[in-house]
Amino acid sequence: MLQNLSLETVVLAAFLAFCRIGACFMLMPGFGSARIAMHVRLFVAIAVTWALLAHLWDAIVPHVRIETAAMLLLIASELMIGATIGLVTRLYTLALQFAGAVIAMTGGFGGMAGSSVDELEPQAPLTVLITTSALLLLFALDFHHEVLKALVASYQVAPMGRFFDAQGALIDLADTVSQSFYLTLRLASPFIAYAILANLAIGFVNKLVPQIPVYFVSLPFIIAGALILLYFGIGIMLSLFGDGFLPTTIGR
């Protein structure tokens, strides 16, 4: 088949596949991390593109056009489709990062910002522990393989030649934000309830005995209680996050 095609057609077909796959890898968790060198991310996306091109050849080549205007529209559409797929997976880790910040703040760790493993902006060490553990769990569950399957299946859901459906993508992103924050709110709910009860009890103590330095007395107990709660609940938290991430995210 390749003998009947010009080199220009083969290169354009590979580039169109790279537009969707590369845009997804640019935003997906792990591979899209700013800590990974840019050329490493580029080579990984190119390698995956060439590996998947054999499976996607029949879906891509018939839509290759030499005309500049048609190719520009096709490239823009493929970039937005790939970015949508990557952003859907990214939103779940961002929601967990937000929940981790809430847990750190309610547990008394919010004021100690440190360097993050996956992102460049500083985060609380407890947030880094939760998000990094969750990311490692996702890779242990082969979520990147599921993303590759979703990329291959996306050529049936959003075939090449059909322009990017902005309304459908916006609905998917809005549903993902809703489900991801609902999932992470369930994971952080024990810590939120603990913080409310602990601070309520401390407030009563402060009203009954105003002479006690409440902040210096209560902070060690709040930190110790949050660490104990994290010790017994981190396994269940990560398990529920993995169970909730893969079916709902990849199922889109």
C-alpha atoms as a PDB file:
ATOM      1  CA  MET A   1       0.000   0.000   0.000  1.00  0.00           C
ATOM      2  CA  LEU A   2       2.822   2.396   0.811  1.00  0.00           C
ATOM      3  CA  GLN A   3       4.259   1.924  -2.678  1.00  0.00           C
ATOM      4  CA  ASN A   4       1.109   3.433  -4.208  1.00  0.00           C
ATOM      5  CA  LEU A   5       1.293   6.538  -1.999  1.00  0.00           C
ATOM      6  CA  SER A   6       3.579   9.487  -2.300  1.00  0.00           C
ATOM      7  CA  LEU A   7       6.037  10.398   0.435  1.00  0.00           C
ATOM      8  CA  GLU A   8       4.123  13.618   1.028  1.00  0.00           C
ATOM      9  CA  THR A   9       0.920  11.703   1.793  1.00  0.00           C
ATOM     10  CA  VAL A  10       2.705   9.410   4.250  1.00  0.00           C
ATOM     11  CA  VAL A  11       4.306  12.352   6.057  1.00  0.00           C
ATOM     12  CA  LEU A  12       1.008  14.253   6.242  1.00  0.00           C
ATOM     13  CA  ALA A  13      -0.805  11.177   7.574  1.00  0.00           C
ATOM     14  CA  ALA A  14       1.831  10.719  10.293  1.00  0.00           C
ATOM     15  CA  PHE A  15       1.660  14.406  11.167  1.00  0.00           C
ATOM     16  CA  LEU A  16      -2.132  14.314  11.481  1.00  0.00           C
ATOM     17  CA  ALA A  17      -1.878  11.327  13.818  1.00  0.00           C
ATOM     18  CA  PHE A  18       0.784  13.165  15.801  1.00  0.00           C
ATOM     19  CA  CYS A  19      -1.498  16.199  16.181  1.00  0.00           C
ATOM     20  CA  ARG A  20      -4.141  14.214  18.079  1.00  0.00           C
ATOM     21  CA  ILE A  21      -1.769  11.951  20.004  1.00  0.00           C
ATOM     22  CA  GLY A  22       0.754  14.683  20.805  1.00  0.00           C
ATOM     23  CA  ALA A  23      -1.927  17.088  22.034  1.00  0.00           C
ATOM     24  CA  CYS A  24      -3.257  14.373  24.347  1.00  0.00           C
ATOM     25  CA  PHE A  25       0.224  13.559  25.683  1.00  0.00           C
ATOM     26  CA  MET A  26       0.873  17.256  26.246  1.00  0.00           C
ATOM     27  CA  LEU A  27      -1.962  17.477  28.796  1.00  0.00           C
ATOM     28  CA  MET A  28      -2.374  13.994  30.258  1.00  0.00           C
ATOM     29  CA  PRO A  29      -1.034  13.296  33.775  1.00  0.00           C
ATOM     30  CA  GLY A  30       2.482  11.960  34.073  1.00  0.00           C
ATOM     31  CA  PHE A  31       3.684  12.387  30.505  1.00  0.00           C
ATOM     32  CA  GLY A  32       2.527  15.990  30.439  1.00  0.00           C
ATOM     33  CA  SER A  33       4.429  16.926  33.583  1.00  0.00           C
ATOM     34  CA  ALA A  34       6.578  20.033  33.418  1.00  0.00           C
ATOM     35  CA  ARG A  35       9.292  18.103  35.293  1.00  0.00           C
ATOM     36  CA  ILE A  36       9.892  15.889  32.247  1.00  0.00           C
ATOM     37  CA  ALA A  37      12.229  17.371  29.667  1.00  0.00           C
ATOM     38  CA  MET A  38      10.490  18.737  26.597  1.00  0.00           C
ATOM     39  CA  HIS A  39      12.495  16.658  24.130  1.00  0.00           C
ATOM     40  CA  VAL A  40      11.685  13.495  26.107  1.00  0.00           C
ATOM     41  CA  ARG A  41       7.962  14.233  25.885  1.00  0.00           C
ATOM     42  CA  LEU A  42       8.334  14.980  22.187  1.00  0.00           C
ATOM     43  CA  PHE A  43      10.162  11.710  21.448  1.00  0.00           C
ATOM     44  CA  VAL A  44       7.630   9.691  23.469  1.00  0.00           C
ATOM     45  CA  ALA A  45       4.738  11.249  21.530  1.00  0.00           C
ATOM     46  CA  ILE A  46       6.510  10.584  18.209  1.00  0.00           C
ATOM     47  CA  ALA A  47       7.242   6.963  19.176  1.00  0.00           C
ATOM     48  CA  VAL A  48       3.632   6.351  20.192  1.00  0.00           C
ATOM     49  CA  THR A  49       2.431   7.993  16.975  1.00  0.00           C
ATOM     50  CA  TRP A  50       4.519   5.690  14.807  1.00  0.00           C
ATOM     51  CA  ALA A  51       3.436   2.672  16.867  1.00  0.00           C
ATOM     52  CA  LEU A  52      -0.271   3.497  16.481  1.00  0.00           C
ATOM     53  CA  LEU A  53      -0.066   4.673  12.881  1.00  0.00           C
ATOM     54  CA  ALA A  54      -0.385   1.105  11.579  1.00  0.00           C
ATOM     55  CA  HIS A  55      -3.724   0.728  13.399  1.00  0.00           C
ATOM     56  CA  LEU A  56      -4.960   4.170  12.348  1.00  0.00           C
ATOM     57  CA  TRP A  57      -3.755   4.122   8.748  1.00  0.00           C
ATOM     58  CA  ASP A  58      -7.098   3.344   7.113  1.00  0.00           C
ATOM     59  CA  ALA A  59      -8.846   5.984   9.240  1.00  0.00           C
ATOM     60  CA  ILE A  60      -6.344   8.747   8.410  1.00  0.00           C
ATOM     61  CA  VAL A  61      -5.088   8.347   4.839  1.00  0.00           C
ATOM     62  CA  PRO A  62      -8.447   8.809   3.030  1.00  0.00           C
ATOM     63  CA  HIS A  63      -8.797  12.246   4.634  1.00  0.00           C
ATOM     64  CA  VAL A  64      -5.338  13.558   3.772  1.00  0.00           C
ATOM     65  CA  ARG A  65      -5.675  16.621   1.555  1.00  0.00           C
ATOM     66  CA  ILE A  66      -2.947  18.533  -0.182  1.00  0.00           C
ATOM     67  CA  GLU A  67      -4.911  21.784  -0.171  1.00  0.00           C
ATOM     68  CA  THR A  68      -3.590  24.209   2.441  1.00  0.00           C
ATOM     69  CA  ALA A  69      -6.957  25.443   3.738  1.00  0.00           C
ATOM     70  CA  ALA A  70      -8.348  21.935   4.195  1.00  0.00           C
ATOM     71  CA  MET A  71      -5.186  20.756   5.945  1.00  0.00           C
ATOM     72  CA  LEU A  72      -5.152  23.713   8.329  1.00  0.00           C
ATOM     73  CA  LEU A  73      -8.750  23.021   9.383  1.00  0.00           C
ATOM     74  CA  LEU A  74      -7.968  19.315   9.785  1.00  0.00           C
ATOM     75  CA  ILE A  75      -4.861  20.038  11.880  1.00  0.00           C
ATOM     76  CA  ALA A  76      -6.770  22.461  14.130  1.00  0.00           C
ATOM     77  CA  SER A  77      -9.558  19.915  14.606  1.00  0.00           C
ATOM     78  CA  GLU A  78      -7.133  17.107  15.468  1.00  0.00           C
ATOM     79  CA  LEU A  79      -5.279  19.285  17.961  1.00  0.00           C
ATOM     80  CA  MET A  80      -8.485  20.228  19.771  1.00  0.00           C
ATOM     81  CA  ILE A  81      -9.749  16.631  19.853  1.00  0.00           C
ATOM     82  CA  GLY A  82      -6.470  15.374  21.307  1.00  0.00           C
ATOM     83  CA  ALA A  83      -6.327  18.240  23.807  1.00  0.00           C
ATOM     84  CA  THR A  84      -9.866  17.415  24.956  1.00  0.00           C
ATOM     85  CA  ILE A  85      -8.940  13.773  25.603  1.00  0.00           C
ATOM     86  CA  GLY A  86      -5.844  14.784  27.530  1.00  0.00           C
ATOM     87  CA  LEU A  87      -7.677  17.462  29.492  1.00  0.00           C
ATOM     88  CA  VAL A  88     -10.382  15.005  30.557  1.00  0.00           C
ATOM     89  CA  THR A  89      -7.745  12.813  32.211  1.00  0.00           C
ATOM     90  CA  ARG A  90      -5.931  15.852  33.610  1.00  0.00           C
ATOM     91  CA  LEU A  91      -8.994  17.226  35.383  1.00  0.00           C
ATOM     92  CA  TYR A  92      -9.164  14.235  37.723  1.00  0.00           C
ATOM     93  CA  THR A  93      -5.619  14.752  38.961  1.00  0.00           C
ATOM     94  CA  LEU A  94      -6.250  18.491  39.327  1.00  0.00           C
ATOM     95  CA  ALA A  95      -9.350  17.742  41.398  1.00  0.00           C
ATOM     96  CA  LEU A  96      -7.316  15.382  43.597  1.00  0.00           C
ATOM     97  CA  GLN A  97      -4.666  18.072  43.945  1.00  0.00           C
ATOM     98  CA  PHE A  98      -7.362  20.477  45.126  1.00  0.00           C
ATOM     99  CA  ALA A  99      -8.656  17.883  47.594  1.00  0.00           C
ATOM    100  CA  GLY A 100      -5.106  17.296  48.822  1.00  0.00           C
ATOM    101  CA  ALA A 101      -4.707  21.031  49.425  1.00  0.00           C
ATOM    102  CA  VAL A 102      -7.954  20.993  51.417  1.00  0.00           C
ATOM    103  CA  ILE A 103      -6.732  18.019  53.472  1.00  0.00           C
ATOM    104  CA  ALA A 104      -3.396  19.731  54.139  1.00  0.00           C
ATOM    105  CA  MET A 105      -5.096  22.971  55.158  1.00  0.00           C
ATOM    106  CA  THR A 106      -7.626  21.308  57.476  1.00  0.00           C
ATOM    107  CA  GLY A 107      -4.869  19.127  58.984  1.00  0.00           C
ATOM    108  CA  GLY A 108      -2.597  22.022  59.835  1.00  0.00           C
ATOM    109  CA  PHE A 109      -0.099  21.539  56.997  1.00  0.00           C
ATOM    110  CA  GLY A 110      -1.297  24.332  54.724  1.00  0.00           C
ATOM    111  CA  GLY A 111       1.386  26.819  55.723  1.00  0.00           C
ATOM    112  CA  MET A 112       4.332  24.589  54.816  1.00  0.00           C
ATOM    113  CA  ALA A 113       4.683  24.828  51.045  1.00  0.00           C
ATOM    114  CA  GLY A 114       7.285  22.690  49.318  1.00  0.00           C
ATOM    115  CA  SER A 115       8.326  21.631  45.850  1.00  0.00           C
ATOM    116  CA  SER A 116       6.001  19.376  43.895  1.00  0.00           C
ATOM    117  CA  VAL A 117       6.985  16.273  41.985  1.00  0.00           C
ATOM    118  CA  ASP A 118       4.582  16.647  39.061  1.00  0.00           C
ATOM    119  CA  GLU A 119       4.066  20.416  38.879  1.00  0.00           C
ATOM    120  CA  LEU A 120       6.246  23.491  39.140  1.00  0.00           C
ATOM    121  CA  GLU A 121       4.134  25.491  41.579  1.00  0.00           C
ATOM    122  CA  PRO A 122       4.796  24.830  45.292  1.00  0.00           C
ATOM    123  CA  GLN A 123       2.412  22.615  47.237  1.00  0.00           C
ATOM    124  CA  ALA A 124       2.067  21.389  50.775  1.00  0.00           C
ATOM    125  CA  PRO A 125       4.092  18.201  51.432  1.00  0.00           C
ATOM    126  CA  LEU A 126       0.921  16.311  52.343  1.00  0.00           C
ATOM    127  CA  THR A 127      -0.652  17.302  49.008  1.00  0.00           C
ATOM    128  CA  VAL A 128       2.484  16.154  47.174  1.00  0.00           C
ATOM    129  CA  LEU A 129       2.348  12.809  48.994  1.00  0.00           C
ATOM    130  CA  ILE A 130      -1.285  12.208  48.037  1.00  0.00           C
ATOM    131  CA  THR A 131      -1.045  13.316  44.399  1.00  0.00           C
ATOM    132  CA  THR A 132       2.231  11.501  43.732  1.00  0.00           C
ATOM    133  CA  SER A 133       0.904   8.282  45.276  1.00  0.00           C
ATOM    134  CA  ALA A 134      -2.265   8.556  43.203  1.00  0.00           C
ATOM    135  CA  LEU A 135      -0.266   9.121  40.001  1.00  0.00           C
ATOM    136  CA  LEU A 136       1.955   6.116  40.714  1.00  0.00           C
ATOM    137  CA  LEU A 137      -1.162   4.043  41.376  1.00  0.00           C
ATOM    138  CA  LEU A 138      -2.662   5.074  38.040  1.00  0.00           C
ATOM    139  CA  PHE A 139       0.467   3.982  36.192  1.00  0.00           C
ATOM    140  CA  ALA A 140       0.493   0.730  38.168  1.00  0.00           C
ATOM    141  CA  LEU A 141      -3.088   0.179  36.976  1.00  0.00           C
ATOM    142  CA  ASP A 142      -1.918   0.763  33.363  1.00  0.00           C
ATOM    143  CA  PHE A 143      -4.041   3.838  32.876  1.00  0.00           C
ATOM    144  CA  HIS A 144      -1.657   5.003  30.105  1.00  0.00           C
ATOM    145  CA  HIS A 145      -2.548   1.854  28.185  1.00  0.00           C
ATOM    146  CA  GLU A 146      -6.201   2.745  28.555  1.00  0.00           C
ATOM    147  CA  VAL A 147      -5.482   6.238  27.244  1.00  0.00           C
ATOM    148  CA  LEU A 148      -3.869   4.709  24.158  1.00  0.00           C
ATOM    149  CA  LYS A 149      -6.942   2.523  23.662  1.00  0.00           C
ATOM    150  CA  ALA A 150      -9.115   5.609  24.019  1.00  0.00           C
ATOM    151  CA  LEU A 151      -7.037   7.425  21.393  1.00  0.00           C
ATOM    152  CA  VAL A 152      -7.510   4.558  18.948  1.00  0.00           C
ATOM    153  CA  ALA A 153     -11.235   4.388  19.721  1.00  0.00           C
ATOM    154  CA  SER A 154     -11.562   8.152  19.320  1.00  0.00           C
ATOM    155  CA  TYR A 155     -11.189   7.768  15.554  1.00  0.00           C
ATOM    156  CA  GLN A 156     -14.556   5.989  15.610  1.00  0.00           C
ATOM    157  CA  VAL A 157     -16.252   8.384  18.023  1.00  0.00           C
ATOM    158  CA  ALA A 158     -14.745  11.512  16.414  1.00  0.00           C
ATOM    159  CA  PRO A 159     -13.569  10.345  12.975  1.00  0.00           C
ATOM    160  CA  MET A 160     -11.117  12.395  10.992  1.00  0.00           C
ATOM    161  CA  GLY A 161     -12.813  14.643   8.482  1.00  0.00           C
ATOM    162  CA  ARG A 162     -15.559  15.636  10.903  1.00  0.00           C
ATOM    163  CA  PHE A 163     -14.696  18.981  12.452  1.00  0.00           C
ATOM    164  CA  PHE A 164     -14.229  19.344  16.193  1.00  0.00           C
ATOM    165  CA  ASP A 165     -17.531  19.263  18.087  1.00  0.00           C
ATOM    166  CA  ALA A 166     -17.090  22.134  20.528  1.00  0.00           C
ATOM    167  CA  GLN A 167     -20.481  21.654  22.201  1.00  0.00           C
ATOM    168  CA  GLY A 168     -19.901  17.956  22.844  1.00  0.00           C
ATOM    169  CA  ALA A 169     -16.403  18.625  24.158  1.00  0.00           C
ATOM    170  CA  LEU A 170     -17.699  21.319  26.500  1.00  0.00           C
ATOM    171  CA  ILE A 171     -20.362  18.954  27.825  1.00  0.00           C
ATOM    172  CA  ASP A 172     -17.741  16.230  28.408  1.00  0.00           C
ATOM    173  CA  LEU A 173     -15.434  18.648  30.210  1.00  0.00           C
ATOM    174  CA  ALA A 174     -18.250  20.014  32.382  1.00  0.00           C
ATOM    175  CA  ASP A 175     -19.363  16.478  33.302  1.00  0.00           C
ATOM    176  CA  THR A 176     -15.754  15.535  34.057  1.00  0.00           C
ATOM    177  CA  VAL A 177     -15.292  18.530  36.362  1.00  0.00           C
ATOM    178  CA  SER A 178     -18.525  17.675  38.178  1.00  0.00           C
ATOM    179  CA  GLN A 179     -17.698  13.981  38.600  1.00  0.00           C
ATOM    180  CA  SER A 180     -14.052  14.555  39.521  1.00  0.00           C
ATOM    181  CA  PHE A 181     -14.804  17.100  42.224  1.00  0.00           C
ATOM    182  CA  TYR A 182     -17.644  14.944  43.556  1.00  0.00           C
ATOM    183  CA  LEU A 183     -15.245  11.981  43.743  1.00  0.00           C
ATOM    184  CA  THR A 184     -12.472  13.926  45.475  1.00  0.00           C
ATOM    185  CA  LEU A 185     -14.954  15.585  47.828  1.00  0.00           C
ATOM    186  CA  ARG A 186     -15.983  12.118  48.972  1.00  0.00           C
ATOM    187  CA  LEU A 187     -12.314  11.250  49.532  1.00  0.00           C
ATOM    188  CA  ALA A 188     -11.639  14.422  51.530  1.00  0.00           C
ATOM    189  CA  SER A 189     -14.932  14.371  53.466  1.00  0.00           C
ATOM    190  CA  PRO A 190     -13.514  12.521  56.561  1.00  0.00           C
ATOM    191  CA  PHE A 191     -10.820  15.170  56.951  1.00  0.00           C
ATOM    192  CA  ILE A 192     -13.299  18.004  56.470  1.00  0.00           C
ATOM    193  CA  ALA A 193     -15.635  16.515  59.061  1.00  0.00           C
ATOM    194  CA  TYR A 194     -12.699  15.990  61.441  1.00  0.00           C
ATOM    195  CA  ALA A 195     -11.553  19.593  61.005  1.00  0.00           C
ATOM    196  CA  ILE A 196     -15.057  20.946  61.653  1.00  0.00           C
ATOM    197  CA  LEU A 197     -15.510  18.897  64.821  1.00  0.00           C
ATOM    198  CA  ALA A 198     -11.998  19.569  66.130  1.00  0.00           C
ATOM    199  CA  ASN A 199     -12.163  23.317  65.539  1.00  0.00           C
ATOM    200  CA  LEU A 200     -15.674  23.456  67.012  1.00  0.00           C
ATOM    201  CA  ALA A 201     -14.452  21.745  70.161  1.00  0.00           C
ATOM    202  CA  ILE A 202     -11.450  24.058  70.324  1.00  0.00           C
ATOM    203  CA  GLY A 203     -13.746  27.063  69.943  1.00  0.00           C
ATOM    204  CA  PHE A 204     -15.853  25.883  72.893  1.00  0.00           C
ATOM    205  CA  VAL A 205     -12.708  25.433  74.979  1.00  0.00           C
ATOM    206  CA  ASN A 206     -11.576  28.935  74.062  1.00  0.00           C
ATOM    207  CA  LYS A 207     -14.913  30.388  75.131  1.00  0.00           C
ATOM    208  CA  LEU A 208     -14.908  28.492  78.415  1.00  0.00           C
ATOM    209  CA  VAL A 209     -11.264  29.189  79.293  1.00  0.00           C
ATOM    210  CA  PRO A 210     -10.038  32.285  77.393  1.00  0.00           C
ATOM    211  CA  GLN A 211      -6.682  32.256  79.227  1.00  0.00           C
ATOM    212  CA  ILE A 212      -5.518  29.109  77.415  1.00  0.00           C
ATOM    213  CA  PRO A 213      -3.303  29.769  74.335  1.00  0.00           C
ATOM    214  CA  VAL A 214      -5.604  27.817  72.067  1.00  0.00           C
ATOM    215  CA  TYR A 215      -3.499  27.957  68.926  1.00  0.00           C
ATOM    216  CA  PHE A 216      -0.344  26.506  70.496  1.00  0.00           C
ATOM    217  CA  VAL A 217      -2.289  23.886  72.442  1.00  0.00           C
ATOM    218  CA  SER A 218      -4.664  22.755  69.694  1.00  0.00           C
ATOM    219  CA  LEU A 219      -2.361  22.669  66.658  1.00  0.00           C
ATOM    220  CA  PRO A 220      -0.358  19.560  67.718  1.00  0.00           C
ATOM    221  CA  PHE A 221      -3.578  17.658  68.406  1.00  0.00           C
ATOM    222  CA  ILE A 222      -5.085  18.663  65.047  1.00  0.00           C
ATOM    223  CA  ILE A 223      -1.926  17.608  63.177  1.00  0.00           C
ATOM    224  CA  ALA A 224      -1.698  14.323  65.072  1.00  0.00           C
ATOM    225  CA  GLY A 225      -5.363  13.530  64.428  1.00  0.00           C
ATOM    226  CA  ALA A 226      -5.024  14.300  60.721  1.00  0.00           C
ATOM    227  CA  LEU A 227      -1.935  12.082  60.426  1.00  0.00           C
ATOM    228  CA  ILE A 228      -3.702   9.215  62.215  1.00  0.00           C
ATOM    229  CA  LEU A 229      -6.715   9.619  59.942  1.00  0.00           C
ATOM    230  CA  LEU A 230      -4.432   9.682  56.895  1.00  0.00           C
ATOM    231  CA  TYR A 231      -2.572   6.589  58.102  1.00  0.00           C
ATOM    232  CA  PHE A 232      -5.742   4.509  58.305  1.00  0.00           C
ATOM    233  CA  GLY A 233      -7.462   6.036  55.252  1.00  0.00           C
ATOM    234  CA  ILE A 234      -4.797   6.586  52.594  1.00  0.00           C
ATOM    235  CA  GLY A 235      -5.122   3.068  51.199  1.00  0.00           C
ATOM    236  CA  ILE A 236      -8.897   3.300  50.869  1.00  0.00           C
ATOM    237  CA  MET A 237      -8.603   6.804  49.404  1.00  0.00           C
ATOM    238  CA  LEU A 238      -6.227   5.717  46.647  1.00  0.00           C
ATOM    239  CA  SER A 239      -8.261   2.601  45.942  1.00  0.00           C
ATOM    240  CA  LEU A 240     -11.467   4.597  45.533  1.00  0.00           C
ATOM    241  CA  PHE A 241      -9.668   7.152  43.380  1.00  0.00           C
ATOM    242  CA  GLY A 242      -8.311   4.461  41.073  1.00  0.00           C
ATOM    243  CA  ASP A 243     -11.709   2.754  40.833  1.00  0.00           C
ATOM    244  CA  GLY A 244     -13.421   6.058  40.131  1.00  0.00           C
ATOM    245  CA  PHE A 245     -10.819   7.416  37.711  1.00  0.00           C
ATOM    246  CA  LEU A 246     -10.432   4.658  35.149  1.00  0.00           C
ATOM    247  CA  PRO A 247     -14.056   3.691  34.318  1.00  0.00           C
ATOM    248  CA  THR A 248     -15.464   7.236  34.236  1.00  0.00           C
ATOM    249  CA  THR A 249     -12.545   8.915  32.470  1.00  0.00           C
ATOM    250  CA  ILE A 250     -11.593   6.332  29.893  1.00  0.00           C
ATOM    251  CA  GLY A 251     -15.235   5.480  29.316  1.00  0.00           C
ATOM    252  CA  ARG A 252     -15.707   8.847  27.622  1.00  0.00           C
END
